[in-house]
Amino acid sequence: MTDTDNKIQEILATFEPYDGVYHRQAVDDAIQLQEEITPHLIVIVQDVATNPGKYILNDIASNIYALMLLAYFQESKAHQSIVELFSLPEHFIDPLFGDLITEDLPSILVQTCGGDVEQIKQLILNKNAYEYCRSGAATALTYAVIKGYESREDAQQFLSTLFTGTEDDNPDSGFWAMILDDLVNLYPEELMPVVEKAFADDLIDEFFIDLDYMRELMAKGEEAMLQRLREEMEQRAIDDIHTQMSWWAMFDSEEDDNVASSSFMPTPSLLNTSTASTSKKKKAKKKNKRKMAKASKKKNRR
């Protein structure tokens, strides 16, 4: 093995075990070896999609580092594997990635798509995927409009077709409200009849967004809405990986500290059928927390 090969193996070994430490130096080393380490990071993403239980049960953290680095690299070769990973059902994807789903998935998807949004659309349409991953993909589609990868009209038209009531098998799903929350960012003035019908059909969970609030946003005008969306995209962009990752709850310290925490760890109990009642309660609590986060984000955009 060459010195570079040895260094890559050292970096990957540092990323693997969860120890509560943010490994800044290993991240810097990975950035210095971007071309050489990228195929290894893609393999990690593919392995997580194939063997998610291994990462959950063994407290492996390399999936987090791999995703964030690939987004930072804007690596389009990783995009399909990332979409396949986030197409996993909720009971795998939530313990694997936690709040990364609502906070960073939109940027991960748009920064790795290479200008092609078709697989992002497929994730939005995938009824087997976790509703918050589908919502993250919808947000990524709106970011793609700002980046010029998709026209505003085409994105609006696509999102407006998702209010038939058949897009999610759970009639109480927040999917439609989250899709509407993204659609409103594109100022869908000409699609208001579709929106009003979705409310009339009781598809929209008004905990997320209600018609009065939507009209309040629309009153701001197209230019203001698109500028607000641009600012959101820029704020959430993964362009300073240390700033993005080091403050996370899962990282209680950096290399020189000895404090460790499991506050943002995978939860193996979600896969344990013997604790089904406890798992359901935890899942309900997490879902409510995510709904609260989405609602808070919405209010903060006023």
C-alpha atoms as a PDB file:
ATOM      1  CA  MET A   1       0.000   0.000   0.000  1.00  0.00           C
ATOM      2  CA  THR A   2       1.141   3.545  -0.721  1.00  0.00           C
ATOM      3  CA  ASP A   3       1.422   6.273   1.881  1.00  0.00           C
ATOM      4  CA  THR A   4      -1.795   7.773   0.490  1.00  0.00           C
ATOM      5  CA  ASP A   5      -3.615   4.453   0.841  1.00  0.00           C
ATOM      6  CA  ASN A   6      -2.433   4.164   4.419  1.00  0.00           C
ATOM      7  CA  LYS A   7      -3.559   7.712   5.170  1.00  0.00           C
ATOM      8  CA  ILE A   8      -7.006   7.055   3.725  1.00  0.00           C
ATOM      9  CA  GLN A   9      -7.399   3.931   5.844  1.00  0.00           C
ATOM     10  CA  GLU A  10      -6.340   5.933   8.896  1.00  0.00           C
ATOM     11  CA  ILE A  11      -8.939   8.622   8.158  1.00  0.00           C
ATOM     12  CA  LEU A  12     -11.716   6.085   7.622  1.00  0.00           C
ATOM     13  CA  ALA A  13     -10.775   4.242  10.805  1.00  0.00           C
ATOM     14  CA  THR A  14     -11.018   7.530  12.715  1.00  0.00           C
ATOM     15  CA  PHE A  15     -14.482   8.226  11.292  1.00  0.00           C
ATOM     16  CA  GLU A  16     -15.907   4.785  12.050  1.00  0.00           C
ATOM     17  CA  PRO A  17     -16.501   4.468  15.806  1.00  0.00           C
ATOM     18  CA  TYR A  18     -18.845   6.898  17.485  1.00  0.00           C
ATOM     19  CA  ASP A  19     -16.933   8.429  20.397  1.00  0.00           C
ATOM     20  CA  GLY A  20     -18.662  11.785  20.856  1.00  0.00           C
ATOM     21  CA  VAL A  21     -15.678  13.614  19.344  1.00  0.00           C
ATOM     22  CA  TYR A  22     -15.691  15.737  16.190  1.00  0.00           C
ATOM     23  CA  HIS A  23     -12.549  14.699  14.321  1.00  0.00           C
ATOM     24  CA  ARG A  24     -11.617  18.006  12.709  1.00  0.00           C
ATOM     25  CA  GLN A  25      -8.117  16.948  11.666  1.00  0.00           C
ATOM     26  CA  ALA A  26      -9.390  13.790   9.966  1.00  0.00           C
ATOM     27  CA  VAL A  27     -11.947  15.891   8.074  1.00  0.00           C
ATOM     28  CA  ASP A  28      -9.189  18.274   6.970  1.00  0.00           C
ATOM     29  CA  ASP A  29      -7.074  15.311   5.880  1.00  0.00           C
ATOM     30  CA  ALA A  30     -10.001  13.919   3.878  1.00  0.00           C
ATOM     31  CA  ILE A  31     -10.452  17.267   2.134  1.00  0.00           C
ATOM     32  CA  GLN A  32      -6.771  17.283   1.195  1.00  0.00           C
ATOM     33  CA  LEU A  33      -7.239  13.830  -0.358  1.00  0.00           C
ATOM     34  CA  GLN A  34     -10.606  14.579  -1.984  1.00  0.00           C
ATOM     35  CA  GLU A  35     -10.011  12.753  -5.266  1.00  0.00           C
ATOM     36  CA  GLU A  36      -8.479   9.700  -3.636  1.00  0.00           C
ATOM     37  CA  ILE A  37     -10.940   9.307  -0.758  1.00  0.00           C
ATOM     38  CA  THR A  38     -14.177  10.012  -2.644  1.00  0.00           C
ATOM     39  CA  PRO A  39     -14.654   6.440  -3.970  1.00  0.00           C
ATOM     40  CA  HIS A  40     -14.262   5.133  -0.420  1.00  0.00           C
ATOM     41  CA  LEU A  41     -16.898   7.564   0.873  1.00  0.00           C
ATOM     42  CA  ILE A  42     -19.324   6.455  -1.841  1.00  0.00           C
ATOM     43  CA  VAL A  43     -18.751   2.828  -0.844  1.00  0.00           C
ATOM     44  CA  ILE A  44     -19.689   3.748   2.738  1.00  0.00           C
ATOM     45  CA  VAL A  45     -22.966   5.301   1.550  1.00  0.00           C
ATOM     46  CA  GLN A  46     -23.716   2.199  -0.509  1.00  0.00           C
ATOM     47  CA  ASP A  47     -22.891  -0.060   2.427  1.00  0.00           C
ATOM     48  CA  VAL A  48     -25.213   1.851   4.752  1.00  0.00           C
ATOM     49  CA  ALA A  49     -28.059   1.456   2.241  1.00  0.00           C
ATOM     50  CA  THR A  50     -27.403  -2.288   2.053  1.00  0.00           C
ATOM     51  CA  ASN A  51     -26.633  -2.923   5.729  1.00  0.00           C
ATOM     52  CA  PRO A  52     -28.322  -0.166   7.768  1.00  0.00           C
ATOM     53  CA  GLY A  53     -28.705  -2.324  10.861  1.00  0.00           C
ATOM     54  CA  LYS A  54     -24.940  -2.758  11.116  1.00  0.00           C
ATOM     55  CA  TYR A  55     -24.443   0.991  11.452  1.00  0.00           C
ATOM     56  CA  ILE A  56     -27.277   1.385  13.947  1.00  0.00           C
ATOM     57  CA  LEU A  57     -26.400  -1.512  16.224  1.00  0.00           C
ATOM     58  CA  ASN A  58     -22.641  -0.930  16.213  1.00  0.00           C
ATOM     59  CA  ASP A  59     -22.679   2.845  16.795  1.00  0.00           C
ATOM     60  CA  ILE A  60     -20.828   3.574  13.555  1.00  0.00           C
ATOM     61  CA  ALA A  61     -20.433   7.261  12.644  1.00  0.00           C
ATOM     62  CA  SER A  62     -18.694   7.038   9.268  1.00  0.00           C
ATOM     63  CA  ASN A  63     -22.041   7.349   7.462  1.00  0.00           C
ATOM     64  CA  ILE A  64     -22.381  10.904   8.807  1.00  0.00           C
ATOM     65  CA  TYR A  65     -18.863  11.969   7.827  1.00  0.00           C
ATOM     66  CA  ALA A  66     -19.183  10.357   4.384  1.00  0.00           C
ATOM     67  CA  LEU A  67     -22.441  12.128   3.553  1.00  0.00           C
ATOM     68  CA  MET A  68     -21.305  15.548   4.664  1.00  0.00           C
ATOM     69  CA  LEU A  69     -17.970  15.287   2.871  1.00  0.00           C
ATOM     70  CA  LEU A  70     -19.594  14.141  -0.377  1.00  0.00           C
ATOM     71  CA  ALA A  71     -21.987  17.095  -0.193  1.00  0.00           C
ATOM     72  CA  TYR A  72     -19.095  19.438   0.543  1.00  0.00           C
ATOM     73  CA  PHE A  73     -17.247  17.986  -2.476  1.00  0.00           C
ATOM     74  CA  GLN A  74     -20.437  18.394  -4.589  1.00  0.00           C
ATOM     75  CA  GLU A  75     -19.789  14.860  -5.795  1.00  0.00           C
ATOM     76  CA  SER A  76     -22.372  13.958  -8.435  1.00  0.00           C
ATOM     77  CA  LYS A  77     -21.143  10.354  -8.645  1.00  0.00           C
ATOM     78  CA  ALA A  78     -22.519   9.853  -5.143  1.00  0.00           C
ATOM     79  CA  HIS A  79     -25.988  11.223  -5.881  1.00  0.00           C
ATOM     80  CA  GLN A  80     -27.743   8.024  -6.916  1.00  0.00           C
ATOM     81  CA  SER A  81     -26.362   6.148  -3.910  1.00  0.00           C
ATOM     82  CA  ILE A  82     -27.460   8.960  -1.590  1.00  0.00           C
ATOM     83  CA  VAL A  83     -30.993   8.909  -3.018  1.00  0.00           C
ATOM     84  CA  GLU A  84     -31.134   5.134  -2.608  1.00  0.00           C
ATOM     85  CA  LEU A  85     -29.974   5.473   0.993  1.00  0.00           C
ATOM     86  CA  PHE A  86     -32.625   8.046   1.878  1.00  0.00           C
ATOM     87  CA  SER A  87     -35.258   5.863   0.235  1.00  0.00           C
ATOM     88  CA  LEU A  88     -34.961   3.459   3.170  1.00  0.00           C
ATOM     89  CA  PRO A  89     -38.014   3.282   5.456  1.00  0.00           C
ATOM     90  CA  GLU A  90     -38.334   5.399   8.580  1.00  0.00           C
ATOM     91  CA  HIS A  91     -37.331   2.694  11.065  1.00  0.00           C
ATOM     92  CA  PHE A  92     -33.871   2.613   9.490  1.00  0.00           C
ATOM     93  CA  ILE A  93     -33.308   6.152   8.286  1.00  0.00           C
ATOM     94  CA  ASP A  94     -34.391   8.016  11.423  1.00  0.00           C
ATOM     95  CA  PRO A  95     -31.987   6.281  13.852  1.00  0.00           C
ATOM     96  CA  LEU A  96     -29.225   6.498  11.246  1.00  0.00           C
ATOM     97  CA  PHE A  97     -29.438  10.237  10.618  1.00  0.00           C
ATOM     98  CA  GLY A  98     -31.762  11.930  13.100  1.00  0.00           C
ATOM     99  CA  ASP A  99     -32.019  15.698  12.657  1.00  0.00           C
ATOM    100  CA  LEU A 100     -29.672  15.658   9.674  1.00  0.00           C
ATOM    101  CA  ILE A 101     -32.756  14.686   7.652  1.00  0.00           C
ATOM    102  CA  THR A 102     -34.569  17.962   8.256  1.00  0.00           C
ATOM    103  CA  GLU A 103     -31.514  20.184   8.584  1.00  0.00           C
ATOM    104  CA  ASP A 104     -29.082  19.027   5.903  1.00  0.00           C
ATOM    105  CA  LEU A 105     -30.688  16.569   3.479  1.00  0.00           C
ATOM    106  CA  PRO A 106     -31.973  19.274   1.081  1.00  0.00           C
ATOM    107  CA  SER A 107     -28.462  20.698   0.696  1.00  0.00           C
ATOM    108  CA  ILE A 108     -26.902  17.232   0.425  1.00  0.00           C
ATOM    109  CA  LEU A 109     -29.258  16.341  -2.418  1.00  0.00           C
ATOM    110  CA  VAL A 110     -28.966  19.553  -4.404  1.00  0.00           C
ATOM    111  CA  GLN A 111     -25.183  19.786  -3.964  1.00  0.00           C
ATOM    112  CA  THR A 112     -24.649  16.261  -5.308  1.00  0.00           C
ATOM    113  CA  CYS A 113     -27.226  16.224  -8.120  1.00  0.00           C
ATOM    114  CA  GLY A 114     -24.927  17.745 -10.733  1.00  0.00           C
ATOM    115  CA  GLY A 115     -27.793  19.814 -12.121  1.00  0.00           C
ATOM    116  CA  ASP A 116     -30.081  16.811 -12.747  1.00  0.00           C
ATOM    117  CA  VAL A 117     -33.148  16.744 -10.482  1.00  0.00           C
ATOM    118  CA  GLU A 118     -34.829  13.576 -11.765  1.00  0.00           C
ATOM    119  CA  GLN A 119     -33.693  11.350  -8.901  1.00  0.00           C
ATOM    120  CA  ILE A 120     -34.710  14.024  -6.416  1.00  0.00           C
ATOM    121  CA  LYS A 121     -38.186  13.888  -7.943  1.00  0.00           C
ATOM    122  CA  GLN A 122     -38.212  10.104  -7.682  1.00  0.00           C
ATOM    123  CA  LEU A 123     -37.470  10.346  -3.959  1.00  0.00           C
ATOM    124  CA  ILE A 124     -40.348  12.802  -3.532  1.00  0.00           C
ATOM    125  CA  LEU A 125     -42.664  10.307  -5.252  1.00  0.00           C
ATOM    126  CA  ASN A 126     -41.451   7.269  -3.295  1.00  0.00           C
ATOM    127  CA  LYS A 127     -44.252   6.286  -0.910  1.00  0.00           C
ATOM    128  CA  ASN A 128     -41.960   3.779   0.819  1.00  0.00           C
ATOM    129  CA  ALA A 129     -39.518   6.498   1.893  1.00  0.00           C
ATOM    130  CA  TYR A 130     -39.775   8.389   5.190  1.00  0.00           C
ATOM    131  CA  GLU A 131     -42.047  11.408   4.779  1.00  0.00           C
ATOM    132  CA  TYR A 132     -39.337  13.758   6.077  1.00  0.00           C
ATOM    133  CA  CYS A 133     -36.882  12.465   3.467  1.00  0.00           C
ATOM    134  CA  ARG A 134     -39.496  13.076   0.783  1.00  0.00           C
ATOM    135  CA  SER A 135     -40.032  16.557   2.192  1.00  0.00           C
ATOM    136  CA  GLY A 136     -36.270  17.151   2.207  1.00  0.00           C
ATOM    137  CA  ALA A 137     -36.177  16.191  -1.450  1.00  0.00           C
ATOM    138  CA  ALA A 138     -38.984  18.667  -2.182  1.00  0.00           C
ATOM    139  CA  THR A 139     -36.993  21.403  -0.479  1.00  0.00           C
ATOM    140  CA  ALA A 140     -33.976  20.371  -2.559  1.00  0.00           C
ATOM    141  CA  LEU A 141     -36.105  20.813  -5.680  1.00  0.00           C
ATOM    142  CA  THR A 142     -36.882  24.398  -4.677  1.00  0.00           C
ATOM    143  CA  TYR A 143     -33.171  25.012  -4.124  1.00  0.00           C
ATOM    144  CA  ALA A 144     -32.586  23.614  -7.621  1.00  0.00           C
ATOM    145  CA  VAL A 145     -34.815  26.395  -8.948  1.00  0.00           C
ATOM    146  CA  ILE A 146     -32.606  29.000  -7.284  1.00  0.00           C
ATOM    147  CA  LYS A 147     -29.519  27.323  -8.715  1.00  0.00           C
ATOM    148  CA  GLY A 148     -31.022  27.284 -12.212  1.00  0.00           C
ATOM    149  CA  TYR A 149     -31.208  23.488 -12.453  1.00  0.00           C
ATOM    150  CA  GLU A 150     -35.010  23.511 -12.803  1.00  0.00           C
ATOM    151  CA  SER A 151     -37.393  26.207 -13.952  1.00  0.00           C
ATOM    152  CA  ARG A 152     -39.744  27.658 -11.370  1.00  0.00           C
ATOM    153  CA  GLU A 153     -42.682  26.737 -13.581  1.00  0.00           C
ATOM    154  CA  ASP A 154     -41.635  23.088 -13.942  1.00  0.00           C
ATOM    155  CA  ALA A 155     -40.960  22.703 -10.222  1.00  0.00           C
ATOM    156  CA  GLN A 156     -44.311  24.281  -9.374  1.00  0.00           C
ATOM    157  CA  GLN A 157     -46.130  22.052 -11.820  1.00  0.00           C
ATOM    158  CA  PHE A 158     -44.463  18.935 -10.441  1.00  0.00           C
ATOM    159  CA  LEU A 159     -45.229  19.792  -6.807  1.00  0.00           C
ATOM    160  CA  SER A 160     -48.790  20.799  -7.645  1.00  0.00           C
ATOM    161  CA  THR A 161     -49.551  17.268  -8.876  1.00  0.00           C
ATOM    162  CA  LEU A 162     -48.924  15.835  -5.393  1.00  0.00           C
ATOM    163  CA  PHE A 163     -52.275  16.729  -3.816  1.00  0.00           C
ATOM    164  CA  THR A 164     -54.506  13.925  -5.097  1.00  0.00           C
ATOM    165  CA  GLY A 165     -54.585  12.166  -1.717  1.00  0.00           C
ATOM    166  CA  THR A 166     -52.877   9.034  -3.063  1.00  0.00           C
ATOM    167  CA  GLU A 167     -49.270  10.138  -2.510  1.00  0.00           C
ATOM    168  CA  ASP A 168     -49.063   8.668   1.004  1.00  0.00           C
ATOM    169  CA  ASP A 169     -50.760   5.574   2.388  1.00  0.00           C
ATOM    170  CA  ASN A 170     -51.216   7.282   5.766  1.00  0.00           C
ATOM    171  CA  PRO A 171     -54.159   9.702   5.593  1.00  0.00           C
ATOM    172  CA  ASP A 172     -52.783  11.524   8.650  1.00  0.00           C
ATOM    173  CA  SER A 173     -49.382  12.066   7.064  1.00  0.00           C
ATOM    174  CA  GLY A 174     -47.798  15.490   7.156  1.00  0.00           C
ATOM    175  CA  PHE A 175     -46.493  14.889   3.629  1.00  0.00           C
ATOM    176  CA  TRP A 176     -48.966  17.180   1.863  1.00  0.00           C
ATOM    177  CA  ALA A 177     -48.451  20.058   4.288  1.00  0.00           C
ATOM    178  CA  MET A 178     -44.685  19.815   3.876  1.00  0.00           C
ATOM    179  CA  ILE A 179     -45.005  19.759   0.089  1.00  0.00           C
ATOM    180  CA  LEU A 180     -47.229  22.831   0.262  1.00  0.00           C
ATOM    181  CA  ASP A 181     -44.679  24.552   2.504  1.00  0.00           C
ATOM    182  CA  ASP A 182     -42.122  24.096  -0.273  1.00  0.00           C
ATOM    183  CA  LEU A 183     -44.530  25.008  -3.048  1.00  0.00           C
ATOM    184  CA  VAL A 184     -45.407  28.315  -1.390  1.00  0.00           C
ATOM    185  CA  ASN A 185     -41.730  29.288  -1.479  1.00  0.00           C
ATOM    186  CA  LEU A 186     -41.991  29.270  -5.281  1.00  0.00           C
ATOM    187  CA  TYR A 187     -44.894  31.747  -5.162  1.00  0.00           C
ATOM    188  CA  PRO A 188     -47.589  29.565  -6.791  1.00  0.00           C
ATOM    189  CA  GLU A 189     -50.040  32.387  -7.479  1.00  0.00           C
ATOM    190  CA  GLU A 190     -51.527  30.670 -10.529  1.00  0.00           C
ATOM    191  CA  LEU A 191     -51.959  27.402  -8.598  1.00  0.00           C
ATOM    192  CA  MET A 192     -54.073  28.759  -5.742  1.00  0.00           C
ATOM    193  CA  PRO A 193     -57.152  26.760  -6.885  1.00  0.00           C
ATOM    194  CA  VAL A 194     -55.117  23.554  -6.438  1.00  0.00           C
ATOM    195  CA  VAL A 195     -53.971  24.704  -3.008  1.00  0.00           C
ATOM    196  CA  GLU A 196     -57.454  25.690  -1.876  1.00  0.00           C
ATOM    197  CA  LYS A 197     -58.810  22.315  -3.001  1.00  0.00           C
ATOM    198  CA  ALA A 198     -56.089  20.537  -0.988  1.00  0.00           C
ATOM    199  CA  PHE A 199     -57.282  22.385   2.115  1.00  0.00           C
ATOM    200  CA  ALA A 200     -60.919  21.645   1.265  1.00  0.00           C
ATOM    201  CA  ASP A 201     -60.063  17.954   0.865  1.00  0.00           C
ATOM    202  CA  ASP A 202     -58.502  18.019   4.349  1.00  0.00           C
ATOM    203  CA  LEU A 203     -55.100  16.928   3.056  1.00  0.00           C
ATOM    204  CA  ILE A 204     -53.155  19.696   4.774  1.00  0.00           C
ATOM    205  CA  ASP A 205     -52.112  19.347   8.409  1.00  0.00           C
ATOM    206  CA  GLU A 206     -52.609  22.928   9.540  1.00  0.00           C
ATOM    207  CA  PHE A 207     -50.083  22.420  12.327  1.00  0.00           C
ATOM    208  CA  PHE A 208     -47.505  22.936   9.557  1.00  0.00           C
ATOM    209  CA  ILE A 209     -49.196  25.595   7.465  1.00  0.00           C
ATOM    210  CA  ASP A 210     -52.672  27.072   7.195  1.00  0.00           C
ATOM    211  CA  LEU A 211     -54.369  28.941   4.391  1.00  0.00           C
ATOM    212  CA  ASP A 212     -54.282  32.317   6.124  1.00  0.00           C
ATOM    213  CA  TYR A 213     -50.542  32.039   6.692  1.00  0.00           C
ATOM    214  CA  MET A 214     -50.021  30.992   3.087  1.00  0.00           C
ATOM    215  CA  ARG A 215     -51.949  34.018   1.847  1.00  0.00           C
ATOM    216  CA  GLU A 216     -49.886  36.203   4.163  1.00  0.00           C
ATOM    217  CA  LEU A 217     -46.731  34.866   2.536  1.00  0.00           C
ATOM    218  CA  MET A 218     -48.108  35.280  -0.971  1.00  0.00           C
ATOM    219  CA  ALA A 219     -48.808  38.939  -0.219  1.00  0.00           C
ATOM    220  CA  LYS A 220     -45.056  39.496  -0.041  1.00  0.00           C
ATOM    221  CA  GLY A 221     -44.801  39.021  -3.817  1.00  0.00           C
ATOM    222  CA  GLU A 222     -42.804  36.717  -6.074  1.00  0.00           C
ATOM    223  CA  GLU A 223     -39.483  38.530  -5.863  1.00  0.00           C
ATOM    224  CA  ALA A 224     -39.507  38.646  -2.061  1.00  0.00           C
ATOM    225  CA  MET A 225     -40.454  34.969  -1.773  1.00  0.00           C
ATOM    226  CA  LEU A 226     -37.695  33.826  -4.112  1.00  0.00           C
ATOM    227  CA  GLN A 227     -35.160  36.040  -2.345  1.00  0.00           C
ATOM    228  CA  ARG A 228     -36.171  34.515   0.972  1.00  0.00           C
ATOM    229  CA  LEU A 229     -35.705  31.050  -0.503  1.00  0.00           C
ATOM    230  CA  ARG A 230     -32.284  32.022  -1.841  1.00  0.00           C
ATOM    231  CA  GLU A 231     -31.222  33.248   1.601  1.00  0.00           C
ATOM    232  CA  GLU A 232     -32.412  30.012   3.206  1.00  0.00           C
ATOM    233  CA  MET A 233     -30.484  27.920   0.684  1.00  0.00           C
ATOM    234  CA  GLU A 234     -27.306  29.938   1.194  1.00  0.00           C
ATOM    235  CA  GLN A 235     -27.624  29.731   4.972  1.00  0.00           C
ATOM    236  CA  ARG A 236     -28.003  25.950   4.883  1.00  0.00           C
ATOM    237  CA  ALA A 237     -25.395  25.283   2.191  1.00  0.00           C
ATOM    238  CA  ILE A 238     -22.673  22.824   3.143  1.00  0.00           C
ATOM    239  CA  ASP A 239     -19.764  25.064   2.214  1.00  0.00           C
ATOM    240  CA  ASP A 240     -18.021  25.253   5.598  1.00  0.00           C
ATOM    241  CA  ILE A 241     -18.062  21.689   6.823  1.00  0.00           C
ATOM    242  CA  HIS A 242     -16.525  22.427  10.222  1.00  0.00           C
ATOM    243  CA  THR A 243     -19.103  25.087  11.025  1.00  0.00           C
ATOM    244  CA  GLN A 244     -21.830  22.773   9.773  1.00  0.00           C
ATOM    245  CA  MET A 245     -20.858  19.698  11.796  1.00  0.00           C
ATOM    246  CA  SER A 246     -18.817  20.567  14.866  1.00  0.00           C
ATOM    247  CA  TRP A 247     -21.687  22.054  16.902  1.00  0.00           C
ATOM    248  CA  TRP A 248     -23.978  19.033  16.489  1.00  0.00           C
ATOM    249  CA  ALA A 249     -25.273  17.442  19.674  1.00  0.00           C
ATOM    250  CA  MET A 250     -23.615  14.146  18.727  1.00  0.00           C
ATOM    251  CA  PHE A 251     -20.228  15.866  19.029  1.00  0.00           C
ATOM    252  CA  ASP A 252     -19.630  16.925  22.598  1.00  0.00           C
ATOM    253  CA  SER A 253     -15.972  17.711  22.049  1.00  0.00           C
ATOM    254  CA  GLU A 254     -13.123  17.774  19.565  1.00  0.00           C
ATOM    255  CA  GLU A 255      -9.954  15.694  19.429  1.00  0.00           C
ATOM    256  CA  ASP A 256      -8.193  17.092  22.481  1.00  0.00           C
ATOM    257  CA  ASP A 257     -11.185  16.824  24.819  1.00  0.00           C
ATOM    258  CA  ASN A 258     -12.157  13.752  26.780  1.00  0.00           C
ATOM    259  CA  VAL A 259     -15.887  14.352  27.088  1.00  0.00           C
ATOM    260  CA  ALA A 260     -18.190  12.126  25.062  1.00  0.00           C
ATOM    261  CA  SER A 261     -21.946  12.048  24.665  1.00  0.00           C
ATOM    262  CA  SER A 262     -24.518   9.863  22.961  1.00  0.00           C
ATOM    263  CA  SER A 263     -27.103  12.613  22.576  1.00  0.00           C
ATOM    264  CA  PHE A 264     -27.320  12.190  18.805  1.00  0.00           C
ATOM    265  CA  MET A 265     -26.743   8.473  18.489  1.00  0.00           C
ATOM    266  CA  PRO A 266     -28.528   5.763  16.557  1.00  0.00           C
ATOM    267  CA  THR A 267     -31.053   3.999  18.742  1.00  0.00           C
ATOM    268  CA  PRO A 268     -30.873   0.209  18.359  1.00  0.00           C
ATOM    269  CA  SER A 269     -34.124  -0.219  20.301  1.00  0.00           C
ATOM    270  CA  LEU A 270     -35.994   0.998  17.236  1.00  0.00           C
ATOM    271  CA  LEU A 271     -35.030  -2.278  15.572  1.00  0.00           C
ATOM    272  CA  ASN A 272     -35.875  -4.459  18.583  1.00  0.00           C
ATOM    273  CA  THR A 273     -39.354  -5.956  18.226  1.00  0.00           C
ATOM    274  CA  SER A 274     -39.412  -6.901  21.904  1.00  0.00           C
ATOM    275  CA  THR A 275     -39.669  -3.208  22.801  1.00  0.00           C
ATOM    276  CA  ALA A 276     -42.385  -2.342  20.300  1.00  0.00           C
ATOM    277  CA  SER A 277     -44.450  -0.259  22.721  1.00  0.00           C
ATOM    278  CA  THR A 278     -41.455   1.797  23.826  1.00  0.00           C
ATOM    279  CA  SER A 279     -40.361   2.208  20.219  1.00  0.00           C
ATOM    280  CA  LYS A 280     -43.752   3.490  19.155  1.00  0.00           C
ATOM    281  CA  LYS A 281     -43.702   6.076  21.925  1.00  0.00           C
ATOM    282  CA  LYS A 282     -40.196   7.173  20.958  1.00  0.00           C
ATOM    283  CA  LYS A 283     -41.174   7.378  17.301  1.00  0.00           C
ATOM    284  CA  ALA A 284     -44.243   9.465  18.108  1.00  0.00           C
ATOM    285  CA  LYS A 285     -42.112  11.780  20.234  1.00  0.00           C
ATOM    286  CA  LYS A 286     -39.515  12.144  17.459  1.00  0.00           C
ATOM    287  CA  LYS A 287     -42.165  12.790  14.837  1.00  0.00           C
ATOM    288  CA  ASN A 288     -43.757  15.471  16.998  1.00  0.00           C
ATOM    289  CA  LYS A 289     -40.318  17.018  17.549  1.00  0.00           C
ATOM    290  CA  ARG A 290     -39.762  17.120  13.785  1.00  0.00           C
ATOM    291  CA  LYS A 291     -43.182  18.662  13.243  1.00  0.00           C
ATOM    292  CA  MET A 292     -42.354  21.295  15.837  1.00  0.00           C
ATOM    293  CA  ALA A 293     -39.035  21.992  14.105  1.00  0.00           C
ATOM    294  CA  LYS A 294     -40.756  22.364  10.736  1.00  0.00           C
ATOM    295  CA  ALA A 295     -43.393  24.654  12.205  1.00  0.00           C
ATOM    296  CA  SER A 296     -40.746  26.725  13.973  1.00  0.00           C
ATOM    297  CA  LYS A 297     -38.784  27.065  10.746  1.00  0.00           C
ATOM    298  CA  LYS A 298     -41.954  28.219   9.000  1.00  0.00           C
ATOM    299  CA  LYS A 299     -42.677  30.879  11.624  1.00  0.00           C
ATOM    300  CA  ASN A 300     -39.094  32.105  11.586  1.00  0.00           C
ATOM    301  CA  ARG A 301     -39.459  32.901   7.885  1.00  0.00           C
ATOM    302  CA  ARG A 302     -42.149  35.519   8.483  1.00  0.00           C
END
